[in-house]
Amino acid sequence: MLTYIFIAFALAMDAFAVSITSGAIIKNLKPGPPTKKGEIFDNALKIAIFFGVFQMGMPLIGWFVGCYLDRFISSFDHWIAFGLLNLIGIKMIYEATKKESEKKEINPLNLYVLLLLSVATSIDALAVGLSFAFLSVSIITPIMIIGVITFSLSFIGVFIGNKAGHFFENKIEILGGIILIVIGLKILIQHLF
């Protein structure tokens, strides 16, 4: 159980970092206080649900794939993770460094962006699911723990970003982009070497 908890926290760190960045971006999309009471809560809930569900779903998919097609996915899963994380990371850095007049914010509440972020931050969980399959581990308990921890950290992360985002201005978005790129590189390096 303790191993599952440690794995869950490790897998949730990238979702947590992206949630902090998302909280800051959401605040910048509509300057001033929320238009209605509970809007920050609703936004945090939406992001946390997406990240939590994807962090639960990816290991499950990986486990099924690992049980039946282990050689097929393990040969390129790292390239998918690397590509998605770098694509989003570079876009975030680019958007953060554009002049204010040219700026078009990435909206983490946009369904397409949220889906991309959810897949990108949970692709490493796919590999964990594969590992669970190779080790003949029952998948239900680990995915529940992974989902709950990711949901919780993502929910908190949006609030942290929303409150602290104005102190860092664009720097937190740049940091989030860099974190995504580094995670992508880490996944690629781990699989290549």
N, C-alpha and C. Protein backbone atom coordinates (compact mmCIF):
# COMPACT_ATOMS: atom_id res chain seq x y z
N MET A 1 0.83 -1.20 0.00
CA MET A 1 0.00 0.00 0.00
C MET A 1 0.87 1.26 0.00
N LEU A 2 1.92 1.25 0.81
CA LEU A 2 2.81 2.41 0.89
C LEU A 2 3.50 2.65 -0.46
N THR A 3 3.86 1.57 -1.14
CA THR A 3 4.48 1.69 -2.47
C THR A 3 3.51 2.35 -3.44
N TYR A 4 2.26 1.94 -3.39
CA TYR A 4 1.25 2.54 -4.27
C TYR A 4 1.10 4.03 -3.99
N ILE A 5 1.15 4.41 -2.72
CA ILE A 5 1.02 5.82 -2.36
C ILE A 5 2.20 6.63 -2.90
N PHE A 6 3.41 6.10 -2.75
CA PHE A 6 4.60 6.79 -3.28
C PHE A 6 4.54 6.91 -4.80
N ILE A 7 4.12 5.84 -5.46
CA ILE A 7 3.97 5.88 -6.92
C ILE A 7 2.94 6.93 -7.31
N ALA A 8 1.83 6.98 -6.57
CA ALA A 8 0.76 7.94 -6.87
C ALA A 8 1.26 9.38 -6.74
N PHE A 9 2.01 9.66 -5.67
CA PHE A 9 2.55 11.02 -5.50
C PHE A 9 3.53 11.36 -6.63
N ALA A 10 4.38 10.42 -7.00
CA ALA A 10 5.33 10.66 -8.08
C ALA A 10 4.61 10.94 -9.40
N LEU A 11 3.58 10.15 -9.68
CA LEU A 11 2.82 10.34 -10.92
C LEU A 11 2.03 11.66 -10.91
N ALA A 12 1.61 12.10 -9.72
CA ALA A 12 0.77 13.30 -9.62
C ALA A 12 1.56 14.61 -9.69
N MET A 13 2.89 14.55 -9.56
CA MET A 13 3.67 15.78 -9.50
C MET A 13 3.56 16.65 -10.76
N ASP A 14 3.56 16.03 -11.92
CA ASP A 14 3.44 16.83 -13.14
C ASP A 14 2.03 17.43 -13.26
N ALA A 15 1.01 16.67 -12.86
CA ALA A 15 -0.36 17.21 -12.87
C ALA A 15 -0.48 18.36 -11.86
N PHE A 16 0.18 18.24 -10.72
CA PHE A 16 0.18 19.28 -9.70
C PHE A 16 0.82 20.56 -10.24
N ALA A 17 1.98 20.41 -10.90
CA ALA A 17 2.67 21.58 -11.47
C ALA A 17 1.82 22.25 -12.54
N VAL A 18 1.20 21.46 -13.40
CA VAL A 18 0.35 22.01 -14.45
C VAL A 18 -0.89 22.66 -13.85
N SER A 19 -1.41 22.11 -12.76
CA SER A 19 -2.57 22.70 -12.09
C SER A 19 -2.24 24.07 -11.51
N ILE A 20 -1.05 24.20 -10.92
CA ILE A 20 -0.62 25.50 -10.40
C ILE A 20 -0.56 26.51 -11.53
N THR A 21 0.06 26.11 -12.63
CA THR A 21 0.15 26.98 -13.79
C THR A 21 -1.24 27.32 -14.32
N SER A 22 -2.12 26.33 -14.36
CA SER A 22 -3.48 26.56 -14.84
C SER A 22 -4.22 27.56 -13.96
N GLY A 23 -4.05 27.45 -12.65
CA GLY A 23 -4.68 28.40 -11.75
C GLY A 23 -4.25 29.82 -12.02
N ALA A 24 -2.95 30.00 -12.30
CA ALA A 24 -2.43 31.34 -12.61
C ALA A 24 -2.98 31.84 -13.96
N ILE A 25 -3.04 30.95 -14.93
CA ILE A 25 -3.53 31.33 -16.26
C ILE A 25 -5.01 31.71 -16.19
N ILE A 26 -5.79 30.92 -15.47
CA ILE A 26 -7.23 31.20 -15.34
C ILE A 26 -7.44 32.58 -14.74
N LYS A 27 -6.66 32.91 -13.73
CA LYS A 27 -6.78 34.22 -13.09
C LYS A 27 -6.48 35.32 -14.10
N ASN A 28 -5.47 35.10 -14.97
CA ASN A 28 -5.10 36.11 -15.97
C ASN A 28 -6.08 36.20 -17.11
N LEU A 29 -6.84 35.14 -17.38
CA LEU A 29 -7.81 35.18 -18.47
C LEU A 29 -8.92 36.18 -18.17
N LYS A 30 -9.31 36.26 -16.90
CA LYS A 30 -10.36 37.21 -16.49
C LYS A 30 -9.83 37.98 -15.28
N PRO A 31 -9.20 39.14 -15.52
CA PRO A 31 -8.66 39.87 -14.39
C PRO A 31 -9.76 40.29 -13.42
N GLY A 32 -9.37 40.38 -12.16
CA GLY A 32 -10.33 40.76 -11.13
C GLY A 32 -10.89 39.54 -10.43
N PRO A 33 -11.80 39.76 -9.50
CA PRO A 33 -12.37 38.64 -8.75
C PRO A 33 -13.28 37.79 -9.63
N PRO A 34 -13.53 36.56 -9.23
CA PRO A 34 -14.44 35.70 -9.99
C PRO A 34 -15.80 36.37 -10.17
N THR A 35 -16.43 36.10 -11.32
CA THR A 35 -17.71 36.73 -11.61
C THR A 35 -18.83 36.19 -10.74
N LYS A 36 -18.68 34.97 -10.26
CA LYS A 36 -19.69 34.42 -9.36
C LYS A 36 -18.98 33.65 -8.26
N LYS A 37 -19.67 33.57 -7.14
CA LYS A 37 -19.10 32.87 -6.00
C LYS A 37 -18.92 31.39 -6.36
N GLY A 38 -17.76 30.85 -6.04
CA GLY A 38 -17.50 29.44 -6.30
C GLY A 38 -16.91 29.15 -7.66
N GLU A 39 -16.62 30.18 -8.47
CA GLU A 39 -16.09 29.94 -9.81
C GLU A 39 -14.70 29.30 -9.75
N ILE A 40 -13.86 29.74 -8.81
CA ILE A 40 -12.54 29.14 -8.67
C ILE A 40 -12.69 27.68 -8.27
N PHE A 41 -13.61 27.41 -7.35
CA PHE A 41 -13.88 26.03 -6.93
C PHE A 41 -14.30 25.18 -8.13
N ASP A 42 -15.22 25.70 -8.95
CA ASP A 42 -15.69 24.96 -10.13
C ASP A 42 -14.55 24.67 -11.11
N ASN A 43 -13.70 25.69 -11.35
CA ASN A 43 -12.57 25.51 -12.26
C ASN A 43 -11.59 24.47 -11.73
N ALA A 44 -11.30 24.57 -10.42
CA ALA A 44 -10.38 23.62 -9.80
C ALA A 44 -10.96 22.21 -9.86
N LEU A 45 -12.25 22.09 -9.64
CA LEU A 45 -12.91 20.79 -9.68
C LEU A 45 -12.84 20.19 -11.08
N LYS A 46 -13.08 21.01 -12.10
CA LYS A 46 -13.04 20.54 -13.49
C LYS A 46 -11.65 20.02 -13.85
N ILE A 47 -10.63 20.79 -13.54
CA ILE A 47 -9.25 20.38 -13.85
C ILE A 47 -8.88 19.14 -13.06
N ALA A 48 -9.21 19.12 -11.77
CA ALA A 48 -8.87 17.98 -10.92
C ALA A 48 -9.56 16.70 -11.39
N ILE A 49 -10.81 16.81 -11.82
CA ILE A 49 -11.53 15.62 -12.31
C ILE A 49 -10.85 15.08 -13.56
N PHE A 50 -10.52 15.96 -14.52
CA PHE A 50 -9.85 15.51 -15.73
C PHE A 50 -8.52 14.82 -15.40
N PHE A 51 -7.68 15.50 -14.61
CA PHE A 51 -6.37 14.93 -14.30
C PHE A 51 -6.50 13.64 -13.49
N GLY A 52 -7.41 13.61 -12.52
CA GLY A 52 -7.60 12.41 -11.71
C GLY A 52 -8.10 11.23 -12.52
N VAL A 53 -9.08 11.48 -13.38
CA VAL A 53 -9.64 10.41 -14.21
C VAL A 53 -8.59 9.87 -15.18
N PHE A 54 -7.84 10.76 -15.81
CA PHE A 54 -6.82 10.30 -16.75
C PHE A 54 -5.69 9.56 -16.04
N GLN A 55 -5.32 10.02 -14.83
CA GLN A 55 -4.28 9.32 -14.07
C GLN A 55 -4.77 7.95 -13.62
N MET A 56 -6.07 7.77 -13.47
CA MET A 56 -6.62 6.45 -13.16
C MET A 56 -6.74 5.60 -14.42
N GLY A 57 -7.16 6.24 -15.50
CA GLY A 57 -7.42 5.50 -16.73
C GLY A 57 -6.17 5.01 -17.44
N MET A 58 -5.13 5.82 -17.43
CA MET A 58 -3.91 5.43 -18.16
C MET A 58 -3.25 4.18 -17.59
N PRO A 59 -3.10 4.04 -16.26
CA PRO A 59 -2.53 2.78 -15.77
C PRO A 59 -3.42 1.58 -16.09
N LEU A 60 -4.74 1.82 -16.08
CA LEU A 60 -5.66 0.74 -16.42
C LEU A 60 -5.46 0.30 -17.87
N ILE A 61 -5.36 1.29 -18.76
CA ILE A 61 -5.10 0.98 -20.17
C ILE A 61 -3.76 0.28 -20.30
N GLY A 62 -2.74 0.83 -19.62
CA GLY A 62 -1.41 0.22 -19.66
C GLY A 62 -1.41 -1.21 -19.15
N TRP A 63 -2.19 -1.44 -18.11
CA TRP A 63 -2.29 -2.79 -17.53
C TRP A 63 -2.90 -3.76 -18.53
N PHE A 64 -4.01 -3.34 -19.18
CA PHE A 64 -4.63 -4.19 -20.19
C PHE A 64 -3.69 -4.43 -21.37
N VAL A 65 -3.08 -3.36 -21.82
CA VAL A 65 -2.13 -3.48 -22.95
C VAL A 65 -0.97 -4.37 -22.55
N GLY A 66 -0.46 -4.16 -21.33
CA GLY A 66 0.64 -4.97 -20.83
C GLY A 66 0.29 -6.44 -20.75
N CYS A 67 -0.95 -6.71 -20.42
CA CYS A 67 -1.40 -8.10 -20.34
C CYS A 67 -1.48 -8.77 -21.71
N TYR A 68 -1.77 -7.98 -22.73
CA TYR A 68 -2.01 -8.57 -24.05
C TYR A 68 -1.01 -8.16 -25.14
N LEU A 69 -0.54 -6.92 -25.11
CA LEU A 69 0.30 -6.43 -26.21
C LEU A 69 1.56 -5.71 -25.70
N ASP A 70 2.23 -6.27 -24.71
CA ASP A 70 3.31 -5.57 -24.04
C ASP A 70 4.42 -5.07 -24.97
N ARG A 71 4.81 -5.81 -25.94
CA ARG A 71 5.92 -5.39 -26.83
C ARG A 71 5.52 -4.25 -27.76
N PHE A 72 4.24 -4.18 -28.10
CA PHE A 72 3.79 -3.17 -29.05
C PHE A 72 3.90 -1.76 -28.49
N ILE A 73 3.35 -1.51 -27.32
CA ILE A 73 3.31 -0.15 -26.79
C ILE A 73 4.62 0.27 -26.14
N SER A 74 5.34 -0.66 -25.55
CA SER A 74 6.56 -0.29 -24.84
C SER A 74 7.64 0.25 -25.77
N SER A 75 7.51 -0.02 -27.05
CA SER A 75 8.53 0.44 -27.99
C SER A 75 8.39 1.92 -28.36
N PHE A 76 7.21 2.53 -28.11
CA PHE A 76 7.07 3.94 -28.51
C PHE A 76 6.30 4.82 -27.52
N ASP A 77 5.92 4.30 -26.36
CA ASP A 77 5.16 5.13 -25.42
C ASP A 77 5.95 6.35 -24.96
N HIS A 78 7.26 6.20 -24.84
CA HIS A 78 8.10 7.33 -24.42
C HIS A 78 8.13 8.44 -25.47
N TRP A 79 8.03 8.09 -26.73
CA TRP A 79 8.02 9.11 -27.79
C TRP A 79 6.70 9.89 -27.78
N ILE A 80 5.61 9.20 -27.49
CA ILE A 80 4.31 9.89 -27.37
C ILE A 80 4.35 10.88 -26.22
N ALA A 81 4.83 10.42 -25.07
CA ALA A 81 4.91 11.31 -23.90
C ALA A 81 5.83 12.49 -24.19
N PHE A 82 6.99 12.21 -24.76
CA PHE A 82 7.96 13.26 -25.08
C PHE A 82 7.35 14.29 -26.03
N GLY A 83 6.69 13.83 -27.08
CA GLY A 83 6.09 14.74 -28.07
C GLY A 83 5.00 15.61 -27.49
N LEU A 84 4.06 15.00 -26.75
CA LEU A 84 2.96 15.75 -26.17
C LEU A 84 3.44 16.77 -25.15
N LEU A 85 4.31 16.34 -24.23
CA LEU A 85 4.79 17.24 -23.19
C LEU A 85 5.60 18.39 -23.77
N ASN A 86 6.43 18.12 -24.77
CA ASN A 86 7.21 19.18 -25.39
C ASN A 86 6.35 20.14 -26.19
N LEU A 87 5.38 19.62 -26.90
CA LEU A 87 4.48 20.47 -27.68
C LEU A 87 3.75 21.47 -26.78
N ILE A 88 3.19 20.98 -25.70
CA ILE A 88 2.46 21.86 -24.79
C ILE A 88 3.43 22.78 -24.04
N GLY A 89 4.57 22.23 -23.59
CA GLY A 89 5.56 23.04 -22.87
C GLY A 89 6.09 24.20 -23.69
N ILE A 90 6.45 23.93 -24.94
CA ILE A 90 6.97 24.99 -25.83
C ILE A 90 5.89 26.04 -26.08
N LYS A 91 4.65 25.58 -26.28
CA LYS A 91 3.55 26.53 -26.50
C LYS A 91 3.35 27.42 -25.28
N MET A 92 3.43 26.83 -24.08
CA MET A 92 3.26 27.62 -22.86
C MET A 92 4.38 28.67 -22.72
N ILE A 93 5.60 28.26 -22.98
CA ILE A 93 6.73 29.20 -22.90
C ILE A 93 6.59 30.30 -23.94
N TYR A 94 6.22 29.91 -25.15
CA TYR A 94 6.04 30.89 -26.23
C TYR A 94 4.97 31.91 -25.87
N GLU A 95 3.83 31.41 -25.39
CA GLU A 95 2.73 32.31 -25.03
C GLU A 95 3.12 33.24 -23.88
N ALA A 96 3.91 32.74 -22.93
CA ALA A 96 4.32 33.55 -21.78
C ALA A 96 5.30 34.64 -22.16
N THR A 97 6.07 34.42 -23.22
CA THR A 97 7.09 35.40 -23.60
C THR A 97 6.64 36.35 -24.70
N LYS A 98 5.44 36.15 -25.23
CA LYS A 98 4.93 37.06 -26.26
C LYS A 98 4.63 38.42 -25.65
N LYS A 99 4.71 39.45 -26.48
CA LYS A 99 4.31 40.78 -26.04
C LYS A 99 2.84 40.77 -25.69
N GLU A 100 2.46 41.61 -24.74
CA GLU A 100 1.06 41.66 -24.30
C GLU A 100 0.09 41.86 -25.46
N SER A 101 0.48 42.68 -26.45
CA SER A 101 -0.41 42.97 -27.57
C SER A 101 -0.63 41.76 -28.47
N GLU A 102 0.35 40.82 -28.50
CA GLU A 102 0.24 39.64 -29.35
C GLU A 102 -0.30 38.43 -28.61
N LYS A 103 -0.44 38.55 -27.29
CA LYS A 103 -0.69 37.40 -26.45
C LYS A 103 -2.06 36.77 -26.67
N LYS A 104 -2.04 35.47 -26.80
CA LYS A 104 -3.27 34.69 -26.81
C LYS A 104 -3.03 33.57 -25.80
N GLU A 105 -3.70 33.66 -24.67
CA GLU A 105 -3.48 32.71 -23.58
C GLU A 105 -3.97 31.31 -23.96
N ILE A 106 -3.24 30.31 -23.47
CA ILE A 106 -3.74 28.95 -23.52
C ILE A 106 -4.78 28.87 -22.42
N ASN A 107 -5.96 28.45 -22.76
CA ASN A 107 -7.03 28.38 -21.77
C ASN A 107 -7.13 26.93 -21.26
N PRO A 108 -6.66 26.66 -20.04
CA PRO A 108 -6.70 25.29 -19.54
C PRO A 108 -8.11 24.77 -19.29
N LEU A 109 -9.11 25.64 -19.40
CA LEU A 109 -10.49 25.20 -19.24
C LEU A 109 -11.11 24.79 -20.57
N ASN A 110 -10.42 25.11 -21.68
CA ASN A 110 -10.85 24.69 -23.00
C ASN A 110 -10.77 23.17 -23.06
N LEU A 111 -11.81 22.52 -23.54
CA LEU A 111 -11.87 21.05 -23.54
C LEU A 111 -10.69 20.42 -24.27
N TYR A 112 -10.34 20.94 -25.44
CA TYR A 112 -9.23 20.40 -26.23
C TYR A 112 -7.91 20.52 -25.46
N VAL A 113 -7.64 21.69 -24.90
CA VAL A 113 -6.41 21.92 -24.14
C VAL A 113 -6.40 21.04 -22.89
N LEU A 114 -7.53 20.96 -22.21
CA LEU A 114 -7.61 20.15 -21.00
C LEU A 114 -7.39 18.67 -21.30
N LEU A 115 -7.93 18.20 -22.41
CA LEU A 115 -7.69 16.81 -22.81
C LEU A 115 -6.22 16.57 -23.12
N LEU A 116 -5.60 17.50 -23.86
CA LEU A 116 -4.17 17.36 -24.17
C LEU A 116 -3.33 17.36 -22.90
N LEU A 117 -3.61 18.28 -22.00
CA LEU A 117 -2.87 18.34 -20.73
C LEU A 117 -3.08 17.07 -19.92
N SER A 118 -4.30 16.57 -19.91
CA SER A 118 -4.61 15.36 -19.15
C SER A 118 -3.85 14.16 -19.69
N VAL A 119 -3.82 14.02 -21.02
CA VAL A 119 -3.07 12.92 -21.63
C VAL A 119 -1.58 13.11 -21.38
N ALA A 120 -1.08 14.32 -21.61
CA ALA A 120 0.35 14.58 -21.48
C ALA A 120 0.86 14.33 -20.06
N THR A 121 0.07 14.72 -19.06
CA THR A 121 0.52 14.55 -17.68
C THR A 121 0.30 13.14 -17.15
N SER A 122 -0.44 12.33 -17.89
CA SER A 122 -0.72 10.98 -17.39
C SER A 122 -0.11 9.87 -18.24
N ILE A 123 0.63 10.24 -19.27
CA ILE A 123 1.18 9.21 -20.16
C ILE A 123 2.20 8.33 -19.44
N ASP A 124 2.91 8.91 -18.46
CA ASP A 124 3.86 8.08 -17.70
C ASP A 124 3.12 7.05 -16.85
N ALA A 125 1.87 7.34 -16.50
CA ALA A 125 1.05 6.38 -15.75
C ALA A 125 0.74 5.16 -16.61
N LEU A 126 0.74 5.33 -17.93
CA LEU A 126 0.55 4.22 -18.84
C LEU A 126 1.66 3.19 -18.65
N ALA A 127 2.89 3.71 -18.55
CA ALA A 127 4.04 2.83 -18.34
C ALA A 127 3.96 2.13 -16.98
N VAL A 128 3.46 2.83 -15.97
CA VAL A 128 3.28 2.21 -14.65
C VAL A 128 2.27 1.08 -14.75
N GLY A 129 1.21 1.30 -15.49
CA GLY A 129 0.22 0.24 -15.70
C GLY A 129 0.83 -0.97 -16.38
N LEU A 130 1.70 -0.71 -17.36
CA LEU A 130 2.41 -1.81 -18.01
C LEU A 130 3.25 -2.57 -16.99
N SER A 131 3.94 -1.83 -16.13
CA SER A 131 4.76 -2.46 -15.09
C SER A 131 3.91 -3.32 -14.17
N PHE A 132 2.74 -2.80 -13.77
CA PHE A 132 1.85 -3.57 -12.92
C PHE A 132 1.44 -4.88 -13.61
N ALA A 133 1.20 -4.81 -14.91
CA ALA A 133 0.83 -6.02 -15.65
C ALA A 133 1.98 -7.01 -15.67
N PHE A 134 3.20 -6.52 -15.91
CA PHE A 134 4.37 -7.40 -15.95
C PHE A 134 4.61 -8.06 -14.59
N LEU A 135 4.26 -7.33 -13.50
CA LEU A 135 4.46 -7.85 -12.14
C LEU A 135 3.24 -8.61 -11.62
N SER A 136 2.22 -8.75 -12.47
CA SER A 136 0.97 -9.43 -12.10
C SER A 136 0.32 -8.82 -10.86
N VAL A 137 0.31 -7.49 -10.80
CA VAL A 137 -0.29 -6.76 -9.69
C VAL A 137 -1.77 -6.53 -10.00
N SER A 138 -2.62 -6.70 -9.01
CA SER A 138 -4.03 -6.36 -9.18
C SER A 138 -4.11 -4.84 -9.37
N ILE A 139 -4.87 -4.37 -10.32
CA ILE A 139 -4.83 -2.96 -10.73
C ILE A 139 -5.81 -2.06 -9.98
N ILE A 140 -6.85 -2.59 -9.38
CA ILE A 140 -7.91 -1.75 -8.80
C ILE A 140 -7.40 -0.84 -7.68
N THR A 141 -6.72 -1.39 -6.69
CA THR A 141 -6.23 -0.58 -5.57
C THR A 141 -5.26 0.51 -6.03
N PRO A 142 -4.25 0.18 -6.85
CA PRO A 142 -3.32 1.24 -7.28
C PRO A 142 -4.00 2.37 -8.04
N ILE A 143 -4.94 2.05 -8.95
CA ILE A 143 -5.53 3.15 -9.73
C ILE A 143 -6.44 4.02 -8.88
N MET A 144 -7.07 3.44 -7.87
CA MET A 144 -7.90 4.25 -6.97
C MET A 144 -7.02 5.23 -6.19
N ILE A 145 -5.91 4.75 -5.69
CA ILE A 145 -4.98 5.61 -4.93
C ILE A 145 -4.40 6.68 -5.84
N ILE A 146 -3.98 6.30 -7.03
CA ILE A 146 -3.42 7.25 -7.99
C ILE A 146 -4.44 8.33 -8.33
N GLY A 147 -5.68 7.92 -8.58
CA GLY A 147 -6.72 8.88 -8.94
C GLY A 147 -7.04 9.86 -7.83
N VAL A 148 -7.17 9.36 -6.61
CA VAL A 148 -7.52 10.22 -5.47
C VAL A 148 -6.39 11.22 -5.18
N ILE A 149 -5.15 10.75 -5.19
CA ILE A 149 -4.02 11.64 -4.90
C ILE A 149 -3.86 12.68 -6.00
N THR A 150 -3.97 12.27 -7.26
CA THR A 150 -3.86 13.22 -8.36
C THR A 150 -4.98 14.25 -8.31
N PHE A 151 -6.21 13.79 -8.08
CA PHE A 151 -7.34 14.70 -7.97
C PHE A 151 -7.08 15.73 -6.88
N SER A 152 -6.67 15.26 -5.70
CA SER A 152 -6.46 16.15 -4.55
C SER A 152 -5.37 17.18 -4.82
N LEU A 153 -4.22 16.74 -5.32
CA LEU A 153 -3.12 17.66 -5.59
C LEU A 153 -3.46 18.64 -6.71
N SER A 154 -4.17 18.17 -7.72
CA SER A 154 -4.56 19.05 -8.83
C SER A 154 -5.54 20.12 -8.35
N PHE A 155 -6.49 19.72 -7.53
CA PHE A 155 -7.49 20.64 -6.98
C PHE A 155 -6.79 21.74 -6.16
N ILE A 156 -5.90 21.33 -5.28
CA ILE A 156 -5.14 22.28 -4.45
C ILE A 156 -4.25 23.14 -5.33
N GLY A 157 -3.64 22.54 -6.35
CA GLY A 157 -2.72 23.26 -7.23
C GLY A 157 -3.38 24.44 -7.94
N VAL A 158 -4.63 24.27 -8.37
CA VAL A 158 -5.34 25.37 -9.04
C VAL A 158 -5.49 26.55 -8.08
N PHE A 159 -5.82 26.27 -6.83
CA PHE A 159 -5.97 27.35 -5.83
C PHE A 159 -4.63 28.03 -5.56
N ILE A 160 -3.56 27.24 -5.46
CA ILE A 160 -2.22 27.83 -5.24
C ILE A 160 -1.87 28.74 -6.40
N GLY A 161 -2.06 28.27 -7.63
CA GLY A 161 -1.77 29.08 -8.81
C GLY A 161 -2.63 30.32 -8.88
N ASN A 162 -3.90 30.19 -8.50
CA ASN A 162 -4.82 31.32 -8.55
C ASN A 162 -4.44 32.39 -7.54
N LYS A 163 -3.97 31.97 -6.36
CA LYS A 163 -3.60 32.93 -5.31
C LYS A 163 -2.19 33.50 -5.52
N ALA A 164 -1.25 32.64 -5.91
CA ALA A 164 0.15 33.06 -6.00
C ALA A 164 0.56 33.46 -7.40
N GLY A 165 -0.31 33.17 -8.38
CA GLY A 165 0.05 33.42 -9.78
C GLY A 165 0.41 34.86 -10.06
N HIS A 166 -0.25 35.83 -9.42
CA HIS A 166 0.02 37.24 -9.70
C HIS A 166 1.40 37.65 -9.20
N PHE A 167 1.98 36.91 -8.24
CA PHE A 167 3.32 37.24 -7.77
C PHE A 167 4.37 36.89 -8.82
N PHE A 168 4.06 35.88 -9.61
CA PHE A 168 5.04 35.39 -10.57
C PHE A 168 4.76 35.83 -11.99
N GLU A 169 3.61 36.42 -12.22
CA GLU A 169 3.18 36.85 -13.54
C GLU A 169 3.39 35.73 -14.55
N ASN A 170 4.14 35.99 -15.63
CA ASN A 170 4.33 34.99 -16.68
C ASN A 170 5.34 33.91 -16.30
N LYS A 171 6.10 34.16 -15.25
CA LYS A 171 7.16 33.22 -14.88
C LYS A 171 6.62 31.84 -14.51
N ILE A 172 5.46 31.79 -13.88
CA ILE A 172 4.91 30.49 -13.49
C ILE A 172 4.49 29.70 -14.73
N GLU A 173 4.01 30.39 -15.75
CA GLU A 173 3.66 29.70 -17.01
C GLU A 173 4.92 29.19 -17.69
N ILE A 174 5.99 29.99 -17.68
CA ILE A 174 7.27 29.55 -18.24
C ILE A 174 7.77 28.34 -17.45
N LEU A 175 7.69 28.43 -16.12
CA LEU A 175 8.12 27.32 -15.27
C LEU A 175 7.31 26.07 -15.58
N GLY A 176 6.01 26.21 -15.72
CA GLY A 176 5.16 25.07 -16.07
C GLY A 176 5.56 24.46 -17.40
N GLY A 177 5.84 25.32 -18.39
CA GLY A 177 6.30 24.83 -19.70
C GLY A 177 7.62 24.09 -19.59
N ILE A 178 8.55 24.67 -18.81
CA ILE A 178 9.86 24.02 -18.62
C ILE A 178 9.69 22.68 -17.91
N ILE A 179 8.82 22.65 -16.90
CA ILE A 179 8.57 21.40 -16.18
C ILE A 179 8.04 20.32 -17.13
N LEU A 180 7.11 20.69 -18.00
CA LEU A 180 6.58 19.72 -18.96
C LEU A 180 7.68 19.20 -19.89
N ILE A 181 8.54 20.10 -20.36
CA ILE A 181 9.63 19.69 -21.25
C ILE A 181 10.60 18.76 -20.52
N VAL A 182 10.95 19.12 -19.28
CA VAL A 182 11.88 18.30 -18.50
C VAL A 182 11.28 16.92 -18.23
N ILE A 183 10.00 16.87 -17.89
CA ILE A 183 9.35 15.57 -17.67
C ILE A 183 9.38 14.74 -18.95
N GLY A 184 9.10 15.38 -20.09
CA GLY A 184 9.17 14.68 -21.38
C GLY A 184 10.55 14.14 -21.66
N LEU A 185 11.58 14.96 -21.41
CA LEU A 185 12.97 14.53 -21.60
C LEU A 185 13.33 13.39 -20.66
N LYS A 186 12.88 13.50 -19.40
CA LYS A 186 13.17 12.45 -18.41
C LYS A 186 12.57 11.12 -18.86
N ILE A 187 11.34 11.16 -19.32
CA ILE A 187 10.68 9.93 -19.79
C ILE A 187 11.44 9.35 -20.97
N LEU A 188 11.83 10.20 -21.92
CA LEU A 188 12.55 9.74 -23.11
C LEU A 188 13.90 9.15 -22.73
N ILE A 189 14.66 9.85 -21.88
CA ILE A 189 15.99 9.38 -21.48
C ILE A 189 15.89 8.06 -20.73
N GLN A 190 14.92 7.94 -19.84
CA GLN A 190 14.75 6.70 -19.08
C GLN A 190 14.48 5.52 -20.00
N HIS A 191 13.75 5.76 -21.08
CA HIS A 191 13.44 4.66 -21.98
C HIS A 191 14.54 4.37 -22.98
N LEU A 192 15.34 5.37 -23.31
CA LEU A 192 16.40 5.17 -24.30
C LEU A 192 17.68 4.62 -23.69
N PHE A 193 17.90 4.91 -22.41
CA PHE A 193 19.17 4.48 -21.79
C PHE A 193 18.95 3.50 -20.69
